[in-house]
């Protein structure tokens, strides 16, 4: 059976995992929040720091997209779309 593909919202190509957890409305107090802080941020923090000031490809949440379930991806994308709508 094929896995349903959900591509990350453009916001996740730029925002770091901790930014998503703390700044994206609707993520706090969810399993997604805990997954980001308990599973992704520890990995992210161990990586060598980039010499490039805004090395988005290294620090963006999209880099860890495969660690989220289909349902979590849908919720993350919905929260990012709402963020875009409120800030348009």
PDB file of N, CA and C in Angstrom:
ATOM      1  N   UNK A   1       0.841  -1.180   0.000  1.00  0.00           N
ATOM      2  CA  UNK A   1       0.000   0.000   0.000  1.00  0.00           C
ATOM      3  C   UNK A   1       0.888   1.245   0.000  1.00  0.00           C
ATOM      4  N   UNK A   2       0.582   2.189  -0.843  1.00  0.00           N
ATOM      5  CA  UNK A   2       1.374   3.411  -0.952  1.00  0.00           C
ATOM      6  C   UNK A   2       1.052   4.371   0.190  1.00  0.00           C
ATOM      7  N   UNK A   3       2.085   5.038   0.668  1.00  0.00           N
ATOM      8  CA  UNK A   3       1.915   6.038   1.713  1.00  0.00           C
ATOM      9  C   UNK A   3       1.443   7.342   1.081  1.00  0.00           C
ATOM     10  N   UNK A   4       0.495   7.980   1.717  1.00  0.00           N
ATOM     11  CA  UNK A   4       0.015   9.270   1.217  1.00  0.00           C
ATOM     12  C   UNK A   4       1.107  10.303   1.401  1.00  0.00           C
ATOM     13  N   UNK A   5       1.364  11.061   0.358  1.00  0.00           N
ATOM     14  CA  UNK A   5       2.412  12.072   0.403  1.00  0.00           C
ATOM     15  C   UNK A   5       1.828  13.432   0.783  1.00  0.00           C
ATOM     16  N   UNK A   6       2.442  14.055   1.732  1.00  0.00           N
ATOM     17  CA  UNK A   6       2.088  15.413   2.133  1.00  0.00           C
ATOM     18  C   UNK A   6       3.386  16.191   2.174  1.00  0.00           C
ATOM     19  N   UNK A   7       3.527  17.147   1.282  1.00  0.00           N
ATOM     20  CA  UNK A   7       4.748  17.951   1.248  1.00  0.00           C
ATOM     21  C   UNK A   7       4.681  19.033   2.307  1.00  0.00           C
ATOM     22  N   UNK A   8       5.828  19.403   2.866  1.00  0.00           N
ATOM     23  CA  UNK A   8       5.831  20.456   3.887  1.00  0.00           C
ATOM     24  C   UNK A   8       5.474  21.820   3.298  1.00  0.00           C
ATOM     25  N   UNK A   9       4.722  22.576   4.061  1.00  0.00           N
ATOM     26  CA  UNK A   9       4.397  23.963   3.727  1.00  0.00           C
ATOM     27  C   UNK A   9       5.702  24.740   3.556  1.00  0.00           C
ATOM     28  N   UNK A  10       5.683  25.740   2.721  1.00  0.00           N
ATOM     29  CA  UNK A  10       6.887  26.549   2.451  1.00  0.00           C
ATOM     30  C   UNK A  10       7.507  27.127   3.727  1.00  0.00           C
ATOM     31  N   UNK A  11       6.697  27.423   4.712  1.00  0.00           N
ATOM     32  CA  UNK A  11       7.194  27.962   5.978  1.00  0.00           C
ATOM     33  C   UNK A  11       8.224  27.027   6.615  1.00  0.00           C
ATOM     34  N   UNK A  12       8.035  25.718   6.436  1.00  0.00           N
ATOM     35  CA  UNK A  12       8.921  24.742   7.056  1.00  0.00           C
ATOM     36  C   UNK A  12      10.242  24.582   6.305  1.00  0.00           C
ATOM     37  N   UNK A  13      10.379  25.273   5.188  1.00  0.00           N
ATOM     38  CA  UNK A  13      11.662  25.319   4.478  1.00  0.00           C
ATOM     39  C   UNK A  13      12.565  26.386   5.088  1.00  0.00           C
ATOM     40  N   UNK A  14      11.991  27.202   5.979  1.00  0.00           N
ATOM     41  CA  UNK A  14      12.713  28.331   6.566  1.00  0.00           C
ATOM     42  C   UNK A  14      12.775  28.247   8.092  1.00  0.00           C
ATOM     43  N   UNK A  15      11.670  27.919   8.724  1.00  0.00           N
ATOM     44  CA  UNK A  15      11.619  27.917  10.192  1.00  0.00           C
ATOM     45  C   UNK A  15      12.308  26.683  10.767  1.00  0.00           C
ATOM     46  N   UNK A  16      13.025  26.895  11.852  1.00  0.00           N
ATOM     47  CA  UNK A  16      13.696  25.800  12.560  1.00  0.00           C
ATOM     48  C   UNK A  16      12.665  25.045  13.410  1.00  0.00           C
ATOM     49  N   UNK A  17      12.999  23.837  13.847  1.00  0.00           N
ATOM     50  CA  UNK A  17      12.064  23.066  14.670  1.00  0.00           C
ATOM     51  C   UNK A  17      11.607  23.813  15.925  1.00  0.00           C
ATOM     52  N   UNK A  18      12.544  24.456  16.628  1.00  0.00           N
ATOM     53  CA  UNK A  18      12.152  25.163  17.848  1.00  0.00           C
ATOM     54  C   UNK A  18      11.267  26.364  17.543  1.00  0.00           C
ATOM     55  N   UNK A  19      11.489  27.040  16.422  1.00  0.00           N
ATOM     56  CA  UNK A  19      10.613  28.153  16.021  1.00  0.00           C
ATOM     57  C   UNK A  19       9.197  27.656  15.767  1.00  0.00           C
ATOM     58  N   UNK A  20       9.074  26.530  15.093  1.00  0.00           N
ATOM     59  CA  UNK A  20       7.753  25.957  14.812  1.00  0.00           C
ATOM     60  C   UNK A  20       7.046  25.616  16.114  1.00  0.00           C
ATOM     61  N   UNK A  21       7.752  24.942  17.014  1.00  0.00           N
ATOM     62  CA  UNK A  21       7.146  24.524  18.278  1.00  0.00           C
ATOM     63  C   UNK A  21       6.682  25.714  19.120  1.00  0.00           C
ATOM     64  N   UNK A  22       7.474  26.755  19.161  1.00  0.00           N
ATOM     65  CA  UNK A  22       7.177  27.879  20.057  1.00  0.00           C
ATOM     66  C   UNK A  22       6.370  29.006  19.420  1.00  0.00           C
ATOM     67  N   UNK A  23       6.435  29.142  18.105  1.00  0.00           N
ATOM     68  CA  UNK A  23       5.838  30.320  17.468  1.00  0.00           C
ATOM     69  C   UNK A  23       4.632  30.035  16.591  1.00  0.00           C
ATOM     70  N   UNK A  24       4.418  28.804  16.216  1.00  0.00           N
ATOM     71  CA  UNK A  24       3.309  28.491  15.329  1.00  0.00           C
ATOM     72  C   UNK A  24       2.077  28.166  16.158  1.00  0.00           C
ATOM     73  N   UNK A  25       1.067  28.989  16.021  1.00  0.00           N
ATOM     74  CA  UNK A  25      -0.172  28.824  16.782  1.00  0.00           C
ATOM     75  C   UNK A  25      -0.802  27.467  16.482  1.00  0.00           C
ATOM     76  N   UNK A  26      -1.238  26.790  17.530  1.00  0.00           N
ATOM     77  CA  UNK A  26      -1.892  25.498  17.376  1.00  0.00           C
ATOM     78  C   UNK A  26      -0.964  24.311  17.534  1.00  0.00           C
ATOM     79  N   UNK A  27       0.316  24.553  17.777  1.00  0.00           N
ATOM     80  CA  UNK A  27       1.279  23.464  17.930  1.00  0.00           C
ATOM     81  C   UNK A  27       1.539  23.168  19.407  1.00  0.00           C
ATOM     82  N   UNK A  28       1.496  24.203  20.247  1.00  0.00           N
ATOM     83  CA  UNK A  28       1.705  24.002  21.676  1.00  0.00           C
ATOM     84  C   UNK A  28       0.666  23.065  22.261  1.00  0.00           C
ATOM     85  N   UNK A  29       1.037  22.333  23.284  1.00  0.00           N
ATOM     86  CA  UNK A  29       0.155  21.388  23.971  1.00  0.00           C
ATOM     87  C   UNK A  29      -0.373  20.289  23.053  1.00  0.00           C
ATOM     88  N   UNK A  30       0.443  19.877  22.090  1.00  0.00           N
ATOM     89  CA  UNK A  30       0.071  18.760  21.223  1.00  0.00           C
ATOM     90  C   UNK A  30       1.218  17.754  21.218  1.00  0.00           C
ATOM     91  N   UNK A  31       0.951  16.582  20.698  1.00  0.00           N
ATOM     92  CA  UNK A  31       2.003  15.588  20.549  1.00  0.00           C
ATOM     93  C   UNK A  31       3.084  16.057  19.594  1.00  0.00           C
ATOM     94  N   UNK A  32       2.711  16.941  18.679  1.00  0.00           N
ATOM     95  CA  UNK A  32       3.687  17.485  17.729  1.00  0.00           C
ATOM     96  C   UNK A  32       4.715  18.315  18.486  1.00  0.00           C
ATOM     97  N   UNK A  33       4.257  19.127  19.399  1.00  0.00           N
ATOM     98  CA  UNK A  33       5.147  19.971  20.198  1.00  0.00           C
ATOM     99  C   UNK A  33       6.163  19.100  20.935  1.00  0.00           C
ATOM    100  N   UNK A  34       5.671  18.057  21.591  1.00  0.00           N
ATOM    101  CA  UNK A  34       6.556  17.164  22.337  1.00  0.00           C
ATOM    102  C   UNK A  34       7.519  16.433  21.409  1.00  0.00           C
ATOM    103  N   UNK A  35       7.048  16.000  20.249  1.00  0.00           N
ATOM    104  CA  UNK A  35       7.914  15.301  19.302  1.00  0.00           C
ATOM    105  C   UNK A  35       9.045  16.218  18.845  1.00  0.00           C
ATOM    106  N   UNK A  36       8.712  17.467  18.556  1.00  0.00           N
ATOM    107  CA  UNK A  36       9.745  18.413  18.120  1.00  0.00           C
ATOM    108  C   UNK A  36      10.798  18.579  19.209  1.00  0.00           C
ATOM    109  N   UNK A  37      10.363  18.834  20.444  1.00  0.00           N
ATOM    110  CA  UNK A  37      11.314  19.090  21.532  1.00  0.00           C
ATOM    111  C   UNK A  37      12.042  17.837  21.998  1.00  0.00           C
ATOM    112  N   UNK A  38      11.384  16.690  22.013  1.00  0.00           N
ATOM    113  CA  UNK A  38      11.993  15.474  22.568  1.00  0.00           C
ATOM    114  C   UNK A  38      12.744  14.634  21.542  1.00  0.00           C
ATOM    115  N   UNK A  39      12.383  14.755  20.269  1.00  0.00           N
ATOM    116  CA  UNK A  39      13.004  13.901  19.260  1.00  0.00           C
ATOM    117  C   UNK A  39      13.844  14.675  18.250  1.00  0.00           C
ATOM    118  N   UNK A  40      13.344  15.796  17.772  1.00  0.00           N
ATOM    119  CA  UNK A  40      14.011  16.516  16.686  1.00  0.00           C
ATOM    120  C   UNK A  40      15.045  17.512  17.195  1.00  0.00           C
ATOM    121  N   UNK A  41      14.699  18.326  18.159  1.00  0.00           N
ATOM    122  CA  UNK A  41      15.631  19.344  18.660  1.00  0.00           C
ATOM    123  C   UNK A  41      16.920  18.724  19.213  1.00  0.00           C
ATOM    124  N   UNK A  42      16.864  17.612  19.956  1.00  0.00           N
ATOM    125  CA  UNK A  42      18.130  17.014  20.415  1.00  0.00           C
ATOM    126  C   UNK A  42      19.051  16.617  19.254  1.00  0.00           C
ATOM    127  N   UNK A  43      18.487  16.115  18.167  1.00  0.00           N
ATOM    128  CA  UNK A  43      19.295  15.781  16.988  1.00  0.00           C
ATOM    129  C   UNK A  43      19.857  17.058  16.379  1.00  0.00           C
ATOM    130  N   UNK A  44      18.986  18.023  16.197  1.00  0.00           N
ATOM    131  CA  UNK A  44      19.342  19.315  15.602  1.00  0.00           C
ATOM    132  C   UNK A  44      20.451  20.000  16.398  1.00  0.00           C
ATOM    133  N   UNK A  45      20.348  19.981  17.710  1.00  0.00           N
ATOM    134  CA  UNK A  45      21.336  20.648  18.567  1.00  0.00           C
ATOM    135  C   UNK A  45      22.717  19.997  18.518  1.00  0.00           C
ATOM    136  N   UNK A  46      22.797  18.724  18.162  1.00  0.00           N
ATOM    137  CA  UNK A  46      24.085  18.029  18.098  1.00  0.00           C
ATOM    138  C   UNK A  46      24.829  18.287  16.790  1.00  0.00           C
ATOM    139  N   UNK A  47      24.137  18.785  15.792  1.00  0.00           N
ATOM    140  CA  UNK A  47      24.782  19.032  14.506  1.00  0.00           C
ATOM    141  C   UNK A  47      25.738  20.206  14.627  1.00  0.00           C
ATOM    142  N   UNK A  48      26.843  20.159  13.907  1.00  0.00           N
ATOM    143  CA  UNK A  48      27.753  21.312  13.925  1.00  0.00           C
ATOM    144  C   UNK A  48      27.041  22.559  13.402  1.00  0.00           C
ATOM    145  N   UNK A  49      27.351  23.660  13.998  1.00  0.00           N
ATOM    146  CA  UNK A  49      26.746  24.925  13.569  1.00  0.00           C
ATOM    147  C   UNK A  49      27.303  25.314  12.211  1.00  0.00           C
ATOM    148  N   UNK A  50      26.451  25.863  11.389  1.00  0.00           N
ATOM    149  CA  UNK A  50      26.848  26.258  10.036  1.00  0.00           C
ATOM    150  C   UNK A  50      27.618  27.566  10.058  1.00  0.00           C
ATOM    151  N   UNK A  51      28.505  27.712   9.110  1.00  0.00           N
ATOM    152  CA  UNK A  51      29.238  28.974   8.941  1.00  0.00           C
ATOM    153  C   UNK A  51      28.384  29.998   8.203  1.00  0.00           C
ATOM    154  N   UNK A  52      27.329  29.525   7.553  1.00  0.00           N
ATOM    155  CA  UNK A  52      26.432  30.407   6.802  1.00  0.00           C
ATOM    156  C   UNK A  52      25.361  30.913   7.766  1.00  0.00           C
ATOM    157  N   UNK A  53      25.196  32.231   7.893  1.00  0.00           N
ATOM    158  CA  UNK A  53      24.259  32.780   8.885  1.00  0.00           C
ATOM    159  C   UNK A  53      22.831  32.239   8.772  1.00  0.00           C
ATOM    160  N   UNK A  54      22.291  32.172   7.586  1.00  0.00           N
ATOM    161  CA  UNK A  54      20.919  31.686   7.406  1.00  0.00           C
ATOM    162  C   UNK A  54      20.913  30.418   6.568  1.00  0.00           C
ATOM    163  N   UNK A  55      21.499  29.374   7.102  1.00  0.00           N
ATOM    164  CA  UNK A  55      21.591  28.098   6.404  1.00  0.00           C
ATOM    165  C   UNK A  55      20.281  27.340   6.601  1.00  0.00           C
ATOM    166  N   UNK A  56      19.256  27.759   5.871  1.00  0.00           N
ATOM    167  CA  UNK A  56      17.926  27.196   6.050  1.00  0.00           C
ATOM    168  C   UNK A  56      17.861  25.711   5.735  1.00  0.00           C
ATOM    169  N   UNK A  57      18.640  25.248   4.761  1.00  0.00           N
ATOM    170  CA  UNK A  57      18.582  23.830   4.403  1.00  0.00           C
ATOM    171  C   UNK A  57      19.067  22.943   5.544  1.00  0.00           C
ATOM    172  N   UNK A  58      19.885  23.469   6.426  1.00  0.00           N
ATOM    173  CA  UNK A  58      20.389  22.716   7.552  1.00  0.00           C
ATOM    174  C   UNK A  58      19.458  22.793   8.756  1.00  0.00           C
ATOM    175  N   UNK A  59      18.809  23.927   8.921  1.00  0.00           N
ATOM    176  CA  UNK A  59      18.081  24.146  10.167  1.00  0.00           C
ATOM    177  C   UNK A  59      16.563  24.098  10.048  1.00  0.00           C
ATOM    178  N   UNK A  60      16.019  23.887   8.858  1.00  0.00           N
ATOM    179  CA  UNK A  60      14.568  23.958   8.683  1.00  0.00           C
ATOM    180  C   UNK A  60      13.855  22.677   9.136  1.00  0.00           C
ATOM    181  N   UNK A  61      12.613  22.834   9.549  1.00  0.00           N
ATOM    182  CA  UNK A  61      11.816  21.692   9.991  1.00  0.00           C
ATOM    183  C   UNK A  61      11.600  20.694   8.855  1.00  0.00           C
ATOM    184  N   UNK A  62      11.542  21.155   7.626  1.00  0.00           N
ATOM    185  CA  UNK A  62      11.308  20.263   6.487  1.00  0.00           C
ATOM    186  C   UNK A  62      12.346  19.149   6.414  1.00  0.00           C
ATOM    187  N   UNK A  63      13.520  19.392   6.932  1.00  0.00           N
ATOM    188  CA  UNK A  63      14.585  18.385   6.929  1.00  0.00           C
ATOM    189  C   UNK A  63      14.169  17.135   7.702  1.00  0.00           C
ATOM    190  N   UNK A  64      13.291  17.280   8.664  1.00  0.00           N
ATOM    191  CA  UNK A  64      12.828  16.166   9.503  1.00  0.00           C
ATOM    192  C   UNK A  64      11.384  15.776   9.213  1.00  0.00           C
ATOM    193  N   UNK A  65      10.883  16.155   8.072  1.00  0.00           N
ATOM    194  CA  UNK A  65       9.476  15.922   7.716  1.00  0.00           C
ATOM    195  C   UNK A  65       9.102  14.438   7.809  1.00  0.00           C
ATOM    196  N   UNK A  66      10.011  13.564   7.459  1.00  0.00           N
ATOM    197  CA  UNK A  66       9.725  12.128   7.478  1.00  0.00           C
ATOM    198  C   UNK A  66       9.484  11.575   8.886  1.00  0.00           C
ATOM    199  N   UNK A  67       9.847  12.309   9.904  1.00  0.00           N
ATOM    200  CA  UNK A  67       9.629  11.851  11.278  1.00  0.00           C
ATOM    201  C   UNK A  67       8.191  12.069  11.746  1.00  0.00           C
ATOM    202  N   UNK A  68       7.416  12.824  10.968  1.00  0.00           N
ATOM    203  CA  UNK A  68       6.028  13.096  11.335  1.00  0.00           C
ATOM    204  C   UNK A  68       5.086  12.117  10.638  1.00  0.00           C
ATOM    205  N   UNK A  69       4.014  11.779  11.325  1.00  0.00           N
ATOM    206  CA  UNK A  69       2.992  10.916  10.725  1.00  0.00           C
ATOM    207  C   UNK A  69       2.201  11.733   9.703  1.00  0.00           C
ATOM    208  N   UNK A  70       1.421  11.036   8.921  1.00  0.00           N
ATOM    209  CA  UNK A  70       0.553  11.690   7.939  1.00  0.00           C
ATOM    210  C   UNK A  70      -0.347  12.717   8.641  1.00  0.00           C
ATOM    211  N   UNK A  71      -0.962  12.310   9.745  1.00  0.00           N
ATOM    212  CA  UNK A  71      -1.879  13.196  10.480  1.00  0.00           C
ATOM    213  C   UNK A  71      -1.151  14.419  11.038  1.00  0.00           C
ATOM    214  N   UNK A  72       0.065  14.215  11.546  1.00  0.00           N
ATOM    215  CA  UNK A  72       0.844  15.340  12.076  1.00  0.00           C
ATOM    216  C   UNK A  72       1.221  16.308  10.956  1.00  0.00           C
ATOM    217  N   UNK A  73       1.550  15.775   9.794  1.00  0.00           N
ATOM    218  CA  UNK A  73       1.883  16.633   8.649  1.00  0.00           C
ATOM    219  C   UNK A  73       0.688  17.488   8.247  1.00  0.00           C
ATOM    220  N   UNK A  74      -0.482  16.890   8.243  1.00  0.00           N
ATOM    221  CA  UNK A  74      -1.708  17.644   7.905  1.00  0.00           C
ATOM    222  C   UNK A  74      -1.912  18.774   8.918  1.00  0.00           C
ATOM    223  N   UNK A  75      -1.760  18.471  10.210  1.00  0.00           N
ATOM    224  CA  UNK A  75      -1.937  19.488  11.256  1.00  0.00           C
ATOM    225  C   UNK A  75      -0.885  20.594  11.144  1.00  0.00           C
ATOM    226  N   UNK A  76       0.354  20.210  10.893  1.00  0.00           N
ATOM    227  CA  UNK A  76       1.413  21.214  10.743  1.00  0.00           C
ATOM    228  C   UNK A  76       1.129  22.130   9.553  1.00  0.00           C
ATOM    229  N   UNK A  77       0.766  21.547   8.419  1.00  0.00           N
ATOM    230  CA  UNK A  77       0.484  22.360   7.239  1.00  0.00           C
ATOM    231  C   UNK A  77      -0.725  23.265   7.457  1.00  0.00           C
ATOM    232  N   UNK A  78      -1.744  22.772   8.148  1.00  0.00           N
ATOM    233  CA  UNK A  78      -2.918  23.599   8.440  1.00  0.00           C
ATOM    234  C   UNK A  78      -2.534  24.778   9.335  1.00  0.00           C
ATOM    235  N   UNK A  79      -1.696  24.537  10.335  1.00  0.00           N
ATOM    236  CA  UNK A  79      -1.242  25.611  11.225  1.00  0.00           C
ATOM    237  C   UNK A  79      -0.408  26.633  10.457  1.00  0.00           C
ATOM    238  N   UNK A  80       0.428  26.172   9.529  1.00  0.00           N
ATOM    239  CA  UNK A  80       1.248  27.080   8.718  1.00  0.00           C
ATOM    240  C   UNK A  80       0.378  27.899   7.775  1.00  0.00           C
ATOM    241  N   UNK A  81      -0.637  27.282   7.192  1.00  0.00           N
ATOM    242  CA  UNK A  81      -1.555  28.008   6.296  1.00  0.00           C
ATOM    243  C   UNK A  81      -2.322  29.074   7.068  1.00  0.00           C
ATOM    244  N   UNK A  82      -2.746  28.745   8.287  1.00  0.00           N
ATOM    245  CA  UNK A  82      -3.436  29.723   9.127  1.00  0.00           C
ATOM    246  C   UNK A  82      -2.501  30.879   9.477  1.00  0.00           C
ATOM    247  N   UNK A  83      -1.252  30.563   9.764  1.00  0.00           N
ATOM    248  CA  UNK A  83      -0.248  31.591  10.049  1.00  0.00           C
ATOM    249  C   UNK A  83      -0.110  32.538   8.843  1.00  0.00           C
ATOM    250  N   UNK A  84      -0.010  31.969   7.660  1.00  0.00           N
ATOM    251  CA  UNK A  84       0.100  32.789   6.441  1.00  0.00           C
ATOM    252  C   UNK A  84      -1.122  33.678   6.260  1.00  0.00           C
ATOM    253  N   UNK A  85      -2.294  33.104   6.496  1.00  0.00           N
ATOM    254  CA  UNK A  85      -3.545  33.845   6.333  1.00  0.00           C
ATOM    255  C   UNK A  85      -3.623  35.026   7.298  1.00  0.00           C
ATOM    256  N   UNK A  86      -3.222  34.801   8.549  1.00  0.00           N
ATOM    257  CA  UNK A  86      -3.273  35.860   9.556  1.00  0.00           C
ATOM    258  C   UNK A  86      -2.230  36.952   9.309  1.00  0.00           C
ATOM    259  N   UNK A  87      -1.142  36.590   8.643  1.00  0.00           N
ATOM    260  CA  UNK A  87      -0.054  37.537   8.445  1.00  0.00           C
ATOM    261  C   UNK A  87       0.044  38.058   7.008  1.00  0.00           C
ATOM    262  N   UNK A  88      -1.003  37.828   6.238  1.00  0.00           N
ATOM    263  CA  UNK A  88      -0.989  38.287   4.833  1.00  0.00           C
ATOM    264  C   UNK A  88      -1.279  39.772   4.738  1.00  0.00           C
TER     265      UNK A  88
END
